Amino acid sequence: MTRLYDQFGFDTVDNSPLSESWRSGPGQPAWVAHEHQTRAELMANLARARRIISR
């Protein structure tokens, strides 16, 4: 899939495993900047994410 995305001109970032998908969810840095970030910025934003625990 990554090769296909590359052919379309998109950069990919592995956000595996699925249990880490919250890092790109609403309110997280990667979500807020999703339209205008480079691959490096996306990787940094995924790393900056903080899990929100509801009570």
C-alpha atoms as a PDB file:
ATOM      1  CA  MET A   1       0.000   0.000   0.000  1.00  0.00           C
ATOM      2  CA  THR A   2       2.861   2.348   0.799  1.00  0.00           C
ATOM      3  CA  ARG A   3       4.254   1.960  -2.720  1.00  0.00           C
ATOM      4  CA  LEU A   4       0.873   2.771  -4.240  1.00  0.00           C
ATOM      5  CA  TYR A   5       0.574   5.923  -2.114  1.00  0.00           C
ATOM      6  CA  ASP A   6       4.099   6.889  -3.173  1.00  0.00           C
ATOM      7  CA  GLN A   7       3.050   6.541  -6.821  1.00  0.00           C
ATOM      8  CA  PHE A   8       0.186   8.953  -6.162  1.00  0.00           C
ATOM      9  CA  GLY A   9       2.653  11.426  -4.657  1.00  0.00           C
ATOM     10  CA  PHE A  10       1.670  11.000  -1.008  1.00  0.00           C
ATOM     11  CA  ASP A  11       4.022  10.375   1.886  1.00  0.00           C
ATOM     12  CA  THR A  12       3.094   7.651   4.343  1.00  0.00           C
ATOM     13  CA  VAL A  13       3.683   7.360   8.065  1.00  0.00           C
ATOM     14  CA  ASP A  14       3.230   4.073   9.909  1.00  0.00           C
ATOM     15  CA  ASN A  15       0.944   4.608  12.897  1.00  0.00           C
ATOM     16  CA  SER A  16       0.824   0.924  13.870  1.00  0.00           C
ATOM     17  CA  PRO A  17      -0.421  -0.954  15.758  1.00  0.00           C
ATOM     18  CA  LEU A  18      -4.135  -0.218  15.602  1.00  0.00           C
ATOM     19  CA  SER A  19      -4.150   0.272  19.368  1.00  0.00           C
ATOM     20  CA  GLU A  20      -2.133   3.474  18.774  1.00  0.00           C
ATOM     21  CA  SER A  21      -4.646   4.971  16.332  1.00  0.00           C
ATOM     22  CA  TRP A  22      -5.852   7.343  19.082  1.00  0.00           C
ATOM     23  CA  ARG A  23      -2.679   9.373  18.354  1.00  0.00           C
ATOM     24  CA  SER A  24      -4.299  10.729  15.181  1.00  0.00           C
ATOM     25  CA  GLY A  25      -7.782  11.191  16.633  1.00  0.00           C
ATOM     26  CA  PRO A  26      -9.798  14.367  17.288  1.00  0.00           C
ATOM     27  CA  GLY A  27      -8.070  16.875  19.519  1.00  0.00           C
ATOM     28  CA  GLN A  28      -4.600  15.403  19.000  1.00  0.00           C
ATOM     29  CA  PRO A  29      -1.803  17.437  17.328  1.00  0.00           C
ATOM     30  CA  ALA A  30      -1.843  15.305  14.158  1.00  0.00           C
ATOM     31  CA  TRP A  31      -5.609  15.821  13.797  1.00  0.00           C
ATOM     32  CA  VAL A  32      -5.494  19.568  14.331  1.00  0.00           C
ATOM     33  CA  ALA A  33      -2.806  20.063  11.658  1.00  0.00           C
ATOM     34  CA  HIS A  34      -3.923  17.275   9.296  1.00  0.00           C
ATOM     35  CA  GLU A  35      -4.292  19.449   6.184  1.00  0.00           C
ATOM     36  CA  HIS A  36      -0.975  21.276   6.307  1.00  0.00           C
ATOM     37  CA  GLN A  37       1.819  19.160   7.714  1.00  0.00           C
ATOM     38  CA  THR A  38       4.853  17.502   6.232  1.00  0.00           C
ATOM     39  CA  ARG A  39       5.758  13.887   6.843  1.00  0.00           C
ATOM     40  CA  ALA A  40       8.281  14.984   9.487  1.00  0.00           C
ATOM     41  CA  GLU A  41       5.690  17.202  11.183  1.00  0.00           C
ATOM     42  CA  LEU A  42       3.147  14.366  11.193  1.00  0.00           C
ATOM     43  CA  MET A  43       5.669  12.033  12.795  1.00  0.00           C
ATOM     44  CA  ALA A  44       6.433  14.668  15.452  1.00  0.00           C
ATOM     45  CA  ASN A  45       2.716  15.338  16.041  1.00  0.00           C
ATOM     46  CA  LEU A  46       2.010  11.623  16.492  1.00  0.00           C
ATOM     47  CA  ALA A  47       4.822  11.464  19.055  1.00  0.00           C
ATOM     48  CA  ARG A  48       3.446  14.563  20.870  1.00  0.00           C
ATOM     49  CA  ALA A  49      -0.024  13.035  21.309  1.00  0.00           C
ATOM     50  CA  ARG A  50      -1.232  12.534  24.868  1.00  0.00           C
ATOM     51  CA  ARG A  51      -3.898  10.002  25.700  1.00  0.00           C
ATOM     52  CA  ILE A  52      -7.059  11.541  27.145  1.00  0.00           C
ATOM     53  CA  ILE A  53      -8.769   9.417  29.763  1.00  0.00           C
ATOM     54  CA  SER A  54     -12.460  10.186  30.325  1.00  0.00           C
ATOM     55  CA  ARG A  55     -13.899   9.656  33.739  1.00  0.00           C
END
